[in-house]
N, C-alpha and C. Protein backbone atom coordinates (compact mmCIF):
# COMPACT_ATOMS: atom_id res chain seq x y z
N ALA A 1 25.86 -26.86 38.90
CA ALA A 1 25.32 -26.43 40.18
C ALA A 1 26.48 -26.13 41.10
N THR A 2 26.36 -24.97 41.68
CA THR A 2 27.44 -24.51 42.56
C THR A 2 26.97 -24.53 44.01
N THR A 3 27.93 -24.60 44.89
CA THR A 3 27.62 -24.60 46.33
C THR A 3 27.78 -23.21 46.92
N ASN A 4 28.26 -22.26 46.12
CA ASN A 4 28.48 -20.89 46.58
C ASN A 4 27.12 -20.18 46.68
N LYS A 5 26.70 -19.89 47.92
CA LYS A 5 25.40 -19.29 48.16
C LYS A 5 25.31 -17.88 47.57
N LYS A 6 26.36 -17.10 47.70
CA LYS A 6 26.37 -15.72 47.18
C LYS A 6 26.20 -15.73 45.65
N LEU A 7 26.90 -16.64 44.97
CA LEU A 7 26.81 -16.75 43.52
C LEU A 7 25.39 -17.14 43.10
N LYS A 8 24.77 -18.07 43.84
CA LYS A 8 23.40 -18.48 43.54
C LYS A 8 22.43 -17.30 43.66
N GLU A 9 22.61 -16.50 44.71
CA GLU A 9 21.73 -15.34 44.90
C GLU A 9 21.91 -14.32 43.77
N THR A 10 23.16 -14.11 43.36
CA THR A 10 23.44 -13.17 42.28
C THR A 10 22.81 -13.65 40.97
N ILE A 11 22.95 -14.93 40.70
CA ILE A 11 22.38 -15.50 39.48
C ILE A 11 20.86 -15.42 39.52
N ALA A 12 20.26 -15.71 40.68
CA ALA A 12 18.81 -15.63 40.81
C ALA A 12 18.32 -14.20 40.59
N LEU A 13 19.07 -13.23 41.12
CA LEU A 13 18.71 -11.83 40.93
C LEU A 13 18.81 -11.43 39.46
N GLU A 14 19.89 -11.84 38.79
CA GLU A 14 20.06 -11.55 37.36
C GLU A 14 18.95 -12.20 36.54
N LEU A 15 18.62 -13.43 36.87
CA LEU A 15 17.56 -14.14 36.16
C LEU A 15 16.21 -13.44 36.35
N SER A 16 15.96 -12.98 37.54
CA SER A 16 14.74 -12.24 37.82
C SER A 16 14.69 -10.95 36.99
N PHE A 17 15.81 -10.26 36.90
CA PHE A 17 15.89 -9.03 36.12
C PHE A 17 15.63 -9.31 34.64
N VAL A 18 16.25 -10.36 34.11
CA VAL A 18 16.07 -10.72 32.70
C VAL A 18 14.62 -11.10 32.43
N ASN A 19 14.01 -11.86 33.32
CA ASN A 19 12.60 -12.24 33.14
C ASN A 19 11.69 -11.02 33.17
N SER A 20 12.00 -10.08 34.04
CA SER A 20 11.22 -8.84 34.11
C SER A 20 11.35 -8.05 32.81
N SER A 21 12.57 -7.95 32.30
CA SER A 21 12.79 -7.25 31.03
C SER A 21 12.08 -7.95 29.88
N LEU A 22 12.11 -9.26 29.87
CA LEU A 22 11.44 -10.03 28.83
C LEU A 22 9.93 -9.80 28.87
N GLN A 23 9.36 -9.78 30.06
CA GLN A 23 7.93 -9.54 30.19
C GLN A 23 7.56 -8.15 29.68
N LEU A 24 8.39 -7.15 30.00
CA LEU A 24 8.14 -5.79 29.52
C LEU A 24 8.20 -5.73 27.99
N LEU A 25 9.18 -6.40 27.40
CA LEU A 25 9.29 -6.44 25.94
C LEU A 25 8.09 -7.13 25.30
N LYS A 26 7.61 -8.20 25.92
CA LYS A 26 6.42 -8.89 25.40
C LYS A 26 5.21 -7.96 25.41
N GLU A 27 5.06 -7.17 26.47
CA GLU A 27 3.94 -6.23 26.54
C GLU A 27 4.06 -5.15 25.47
N GLN A 28 5.28 -4.65 25.27
CA GLN A 28 5.50 -3.63 24.24
C GLN A 28 5.22 -4.20 22.85
N LEU A 29 5.63 -5.43 22.61
CA LEU A 29 5.38 -6.07 21.32
C LEU A 29 3.87 -6.27 21.10
N ALA A 30 3.17 -6.63 22.15
CA ALA A 30 1.71 -6.78 22.04
C ALA A 30 1.06 -5.45 21.68
N ASP A 31 1.55 -4.35 22.28
CA ASP A 31 1.03 -3.02 21.93
C ASP A 31 1.30 -2.68 20.48
N LEU A 32 2.52 -2.98 20.02
CA LEU A 32 2.86 -2.71 18.62
C LEU A 32 1.99 -3.53 17.67
N ASN A 33 1.82 -4.79 17.99
CA ASN A 33 1.02 -5.66 17.12
C ASN A 33 -0.42 -5.19 17.06
N SER A 34 -0.95 -4.68 18.15
CA SER A 34 -2.32 -4.19 18.11
C SER A 34 -2.42 -2.91 17.29
N SER A 35 -1.36 -2.11 17.26
CA SER A 35 -1.35 -0.87 16.47
C SER A 35 -1.21 -1.15 14.98
N VAL A 36 -0.57 -2.23 14.62
CA VAL A 36 -0.32 -2.55 13.21
C VAL A 36 -1.63 -2.79 12.47
N GLN A 37 -2.66 -3.24 13.16
CA GLN A 37 -3.93 -3.54 12.50
C GLN A 37 -4.50 -2.35 11.76
N LEU A 38 -4.21 -1.13 12.22
CA LEU A 38 -4.72 0.06 11.54
C LEU A 38 -4.23 0.17 10.11
N TYR A 39 -3.04 -0.35 9.86
CA TYR A 39 -2.41 -0.16 8.57
C TYR A 39 -2.50 -1.38 7.67
N GLN A 40 -3.17 -2.41 8.12
CA GLN A 40 -3.25 -3.62 7.32
C GLN A 40 -4.25 -3.44 6.19
N ASN A 41 -3.92 -4.02 5.07
CA ASN A 41 -4.77 -3.93 3.90
C ASN A 41 -5.61 -5.19 3.83
N ASN A 42 -6.90 -5.06 3.66
CA ASN A 42 -7.80 -6.21 3.61
C ASN A 42 -8.03 -6.73 2.20
N SER A 43 -7.29 -6.23 1.23
CA SER A 43 -7.49 -6.68 -0.14
C SER A 43 -6.81 -8.02 -0.36
N SER A 44 -7.04 -8.60 -1.51
CA SER A 44 -6.45 -9.90 -1.83
C SER A 44 -4.99 -9.79 -2.25
N ILE A 45 -4.52 -8.57 -2.45
CA ILE A 45 -3.13 -8.36 -2.84
C ILE A 45 -2.25 -8.48 -1.60
N PRO A 46 -1.23 -9.34 -1.64
CA PRO A 46 -0.38 -9.47 -0.45
C PRO A 46 0.39 -8.17 -0.18
N THR A 47 0.42 -7.79 1.08
CA THR A 47 1.13 -6.58 1.47
C THR A 47 2.05 -6.88 2.65
N MET A 48 3.03 -6.04 2.81
CA MET A 48 3.96 -6.16 3.92
C MET A 48 3.38 -5.44 5.13
N PRO A 49 3.34 -6.08 6.30
CA PRO A 49 2.82 -5.37 7.47
C PRO A 49 3.72 -4.19 7.82
N MET A 50 3.11 -3.13 8.29
CA MET A 50 3.87 -1.93 8.61
C MET A 50 3.91 -1.72 10.11
N VAL A 51 5.06 -1.36 10.63
CA VAL A 51 5.21 -1.04 12.03
C VAL A 51 5.04 0.47 12.18
N PRO A 52 4.13 0.91 13.04
CA PRO A 52 3.93 2.35 13.18
C PRO A 52 5.14 3.02 13.83
N LEU A 53 5.64 4.02 13.18
CA LEU A 53 6.78 4.79 13.69
C LEU A 53 6.36 6.23 13.87
N GLY A 54 7.12 6.95 14.64
CA GLY A 54 6.86 8.37 14.80
C GLY A 54 7.08 9.08 13.48
N LEU A 55 6.27 10.09 13.22
CA LEU A 55 6.39 10.82 11.97
C LEU A 55 7.46 11.89 12.06
N LYS A 56 8.12 12.12 10.97
CA LYS A 56 9.14 13.15 10.89
C LYS A 56 8.47 14.52 10.94
N GLU A 57 9.04 15.41 11.71
CA GLU A 57 8.48 16.76 11.78
C GLU A 57 9.06 17.61 10.66
N THR A 58 8.27 18.54 10.16
CA THR A 58 8.70 19.39 9.07
C THR A 58 8.26 20.82 9.33
N LYS A 59 8.94 21.73 8.69
CA LYS A 59 8.61 23.15 8.84
C LYS A 59 7.64 23.57 7.75
N GLU A 60 6.95 24.67 8.01
CA GLU A 60 6.02 25.20 7.01
C GLU A 60 6.82 25.84 5.87
N ILE A 61 6.42 25.55 4.65
CA ILE A 61 7.09 26.08 3.47
C ILE A 61 6.03 26.57 2.49
N ASP A 62 6.33 27.68 1.84
CA ASP A 62 5.45 28.18 0.78
C ASP A 62 6.17 27.99 -0.55
N PHE A 63 5.62 27.15 -1.40
CA PHE A 63 6.25 26.84 -2.69
C PHE A 63 5.99 27.90 -3.76
N LYS A 64 5.16 28.86 -3.46
CA LYS A 64 4.68 29.79 -4.48
C LYS A 64 5.81 30.51 -5.21
N GLU A 65 6.67 31.20 -4.50
CA GLU A 65 7.71 32.00 -5.15
C GLU A 65 8.73 31.16 -5.92
N PRO A 66 9.27 30.07 -5.33
CA PRO A 66 10.22 29.27 -6.12
C PRO A 66 9.64 28.72 -7.42
N PHE A 67 8.40 28.23 -7.36
CA PHE A 67 7.78 27.70 -8.58
C PHE A 67 7.50 28.79 -9.59
N LYS A 68 6.99 29.92 -9.13
CA LYS A 68 6.68 31.01 -10.06
C LYS A 68 7.95 31.50 -10.74
N ASP A 69 9.03 31.66 -9.97
CA ASP A 69 10.30 32.10 -10.56
C ASP A 69 10.81 31.09 -11.58
N PHE A 70 10.73 29.81 -11.24
CA PHE A 70 11.21 28.76 -12.13
C PHE A 70 10.40 28.73 -13.42
N ILE A 71 9.09 28.80 -13.30
CA ILE A 71 8.21 28.76 -14.48
C ILE A 71 8.50 29.94 -15.40
N LEU A 72 8.62 31.11 -14.81
CA LEU A 72 8.89 32.30 -15.61
C LEU A 72 10.25 32.22 -16.29
N GLU A 73 11.25 31.76 -15.56
CA GLU A 73 12.62 31.72 -16.09
C GLU A 73 12.83 30.63 -17.13
N HIS A 74 12.30 29.43 -16.88
CA HIS A 74 12.59 28.29 -17.75
C HIS A 74 11.55 28.05 -18.84
N TYR A 75 10.31 28.42 -18.59
CA TYR A 75 9.25 28.14 -19.56
C TYR A 75 8.67 29.40 -20.19
N SER A 76 9.06 30.55 -19.69
CA SER A 76 8.56 31.84 -20.19
C SER A 76 7.04 31.87 -20.26
N GLU A 77 6.42 31.28 -19.27
CA GLU A 77 4.95 31.24 -19.17
C GLU A 77 4.48 32.26 -18.14
N ASP A 78 3.25 32.67 -18.27
CA ASP A 78 2.65 33.55 -17.28
C ASP A 78 2.45 32.73 -16.00
N ASP A 79 3.17 33.11 -14.96
CA ASP A 79 3.14 32.31 -13.74
C ASP A 79 1.80 32.36 -13.01
N SER A 80 0.97 33.33 -13.29
CA SER A 80 -0.33 33.43 -12.61
C SER A 80 -1.28 32.30 -13.04
N LYS A 81 -1.02 31.67 -14.18
CA LYS A 81 -1.86 30.55 -14.64
C LYS A 81 -1.72 29.34 -13.72
N PHE A 82 -0.64 29.31 -12.94
CA PHE A 82 -0.35 28.14 -12.12
C PHE A 82 -0.62 28.39 -10.63
N ASP A 83 -1.20 29.54 -10.31
CA ASP A 83 -1.47 29.87 -8.90
C ASP A 83 -2.32 28.82 -8.21
N SER A 84 -3.36 28.36 -8.89
CA SER A 84 -4.27 27.38 -8.30
C SER A 84 -3.55 26.06 -8.00
N ALA A 85 -2.75 25.58 -8.95
CA ALA A 85 -2.02 24.32 -8.75
C ALA A 85 -0.99 24.44 -7.63
N ILE A 86 -0.30 25.56 -7.58
CA ILE A 86 0.70 25.77 -6.52
C ILE A 86 0.02 25.87 -5.17
N GLN A 87 -1.12 26.55 -5.12
CA GLN A 87 -1.86 26.66 -3.87
C GLN A 87 -2.35 25.28 -3.41
N GLN A 88 -2.78 24.47 -4.35
CA GLN A 88 -3.24 23.12 -4.02
C GLN A 88 -2.08 22.28 -3.47
N LEU A 89 -0.90 22.41 -4.07
CA LEU A 89 0.27 21.70 -3.56
C LEU A 89 0.60 22.16 -2.14
N ASN A 90 0.55 23.46 -1.89
CA ASN A 90 0.80 23.98 -0.55
C ASN A 90 -0.21 23.43 0.46
N GLN A 91 -1.47 23.33 0.06
CA GLN A 91 -2.51 22.82 0.95
C GLN A 91 -2.29 21.34 1.26
N ILE A 92 -1.90 20.57 0.25
CA ILE A 92 -1.64 19.15 0.47
C ILE A 92 -0.44 18.98 1.40
N ARG A 93 0.59 19.77 1.18
CA ARG A 93 1.77 19.68 2.05
C ARG A 93 1.41 20.05 3.48
N GLN A 94 0.61 21.08 3.65
CA GLN A 94 0.18 21.48 4.99
C GLN A 94 -0.61 20.35 5.65
N ALA A 95 -1.45 19.67 4.89
CA ALA A 95 -2.27 18.59 5.43
C ALA A 95 -1.43 17.39 5.84
N ILE A 96 -0.36 17.09 5.12
CA ILE A 96 0.44 15.91 5.47
C ILE A 96 1.39 16.18 6.63
N ARG A 97 1.49 17.43 7.05
CA ARG A 97 2.33 17.72 8.22
C ARG A 97 1.76 17.05 9.46
N THR A 98 0.46 16.88 9.52
CA THR A 98 -0.20 16.18 10.63
C THR A 98 -1.26 15.24 10.07
N PRO A 99 -0.83 14.15 9.42
CA PRO A 99 -1.81 13.24 8.81
C PRO A 99 -2.55 12.44 9.87
N SER A 100 -3.74 12.00 9.52
CA SER A 100 -4.47 11.11 10.43
C SER A 100 -3.75 9.76 10.45
N ARG A 101 -3.84 9.09 11.56
CA ARG A 101 -3.12 7.83 11.71
C ARG A 101 -4.03 6.65 11.37
N ASP A 102 -4.45 6.65 10.12
CA ASP A 102 -5.28 5.57 9.61
C ASP A 102 -5.00 5.43 8.12
N ALA A 103 -5.81 4.65 7.45
CA ALA A 103 -5.58 4.38 6.03
C ALA A 103 -5.66 5.66 5.19
N SER A 104 -6.54 6.59 5.55
CA SER A 104 -6.64 7.82 4.76
C SER A 104 -5.39 8.68 4.92
N GLY A 105 -4.77 8.66 6.11
CA GLY A 105 -3.52 9.39 6.31
C GLY A 105 -2.38 8.80 5.49
N VAL A 106 -2.33 7.48 5.44
CA VAL A 106 -1.30 6.81 4.63
C VAL A 106 -1.54 7.12 3.15
N LYS A 107 -2.80 7.11 2.74
CA LYS A 107 -3.13 7.43 1.34
C LYS A 107 -2.71 8.85 0.99
N MET A 108 -2.93 9.78 1.91
CA MET A 108 -2.54 11.17 1.68
C MET A 108 -1.01 11.30 1.56
N LEU A 109 -0.28 10.58 2.42
CA LEU A 109 1.18 10.62 2.34
C LEU A 109 1.68 10.06 1.00
N PHE A 110 1.07 8.98 0.53
CA PHE A 110 1.45 8.42 -0.78
C PHE A 110 1.14 9.41 -1.90
N HIS A 111 -0.01 10.07 -1.81
CA HIS A 111 -0.39 11.05 -2.83
C HIS A 111 0.64 12.18 -2.87
N TYR A 112 1.03 12.68 -1.72
CA TYR A 112 2.02 13.77 -1.67
C TYR A 112 3.37 13.29 -2.20
N TYR A 113 3.75 12.07 -1.84
CA TYR A 113 5.01 11.51 -2.35
C TYR A 113 4.97 11.42 -3.87
N ASN A 114 3.87 10.98 -4.44
CA ASN A 114 3.75 10.89 -5.90
C ASN A 114 3.82 12.26 -6.55
N LEU A 115 3.19 13.26 -5.92
CA LEU A 115 3.30 14.62 -6.45
C LEU A 115 4.76 15.07 -6.49
N LEU A 116 5.48 14.82 -5.40
CA LEU A 116 6.89 15.22 -5.35
C LEU A 116 7.71 14.49 -6.41
N TYR A 117 7.39 13.23 -6.64
CA TYR A 117 8.10 12.46 -7.66
C TYR A 117 7.94 13.12 -9.03
N PHE A 118 6.71 13.46 -9.40
CA PHE A 118 6.48 14.06 -10.71
C PHE A 118 7.00 15.50 -10.80
N ILE A 119 6.94 16.21 -9.70
CA ILE A 119 7.52 17.56 -9.68
C ILE A 119 9.02 17.48 -9.91
N ASP A 120 9.66 16.51 -9.27
CA ASP A 120 11.10 16.34 -9.43
C ASP A 120 11.46 16.02 -10.88
N LYS A 121 10.62 15.26 -11.56
CA LYS A 121 10.87 14.94 -12.98
C LYS A 121 10.67 16.16 -13.88
N ARG A 122 9.76 17.04 -13.50
CA ARG A 122 9.41 18.18 -14.35
C ARG A 122 10.28 19.41 -14.08
N PHE A 123 10.62 19.60 -12.81
CA PHE A 123 11.37 20.79 -12.40
C PHE A 123 12.69 20.36 -11.77
N CYS A 124 13.76 21.01 -12.17
CA CYS A 124 15.08 20.71 -11.60
C CYS A 124 15.53 21.95 -10.83
N PHE A 125 15.43 21.90 -9.52
CA PHE A 125 15.74 23.06 -8.70
C PHE A 125 17.18 23.08 -8.19
N SER A 126 18.06 22.30 -8.74
CA SER A 126 19.42 22.26 -8.21
C SER A 126 20.24 23.39 -8.62
């Protein structure tokens, strides 16, 4: 305990500022915790809670020409046989650019990720 009045006022002001910041952080944490409920899994399988983050933005891409060229060059197949599958991939990619922020959106993102995984195993675009 100090007898310096100016120092006491400065410390009280700093303490007030820290308490204010702490209260703001508590409110933000409460908002985050309420948002996490959307992504919680109600199954009996233990899961890691997910913190909602902003989604990465992406540009529109058409996979049609690169895939058709690759198929023709490496597999010597008629590329028109794969138009439907390539179009479906383009549609899924377009849909995940703005997924819904619920379990179905997360499911769609996982589905697209799995497609990319298997495409990467099948096609080497390097």
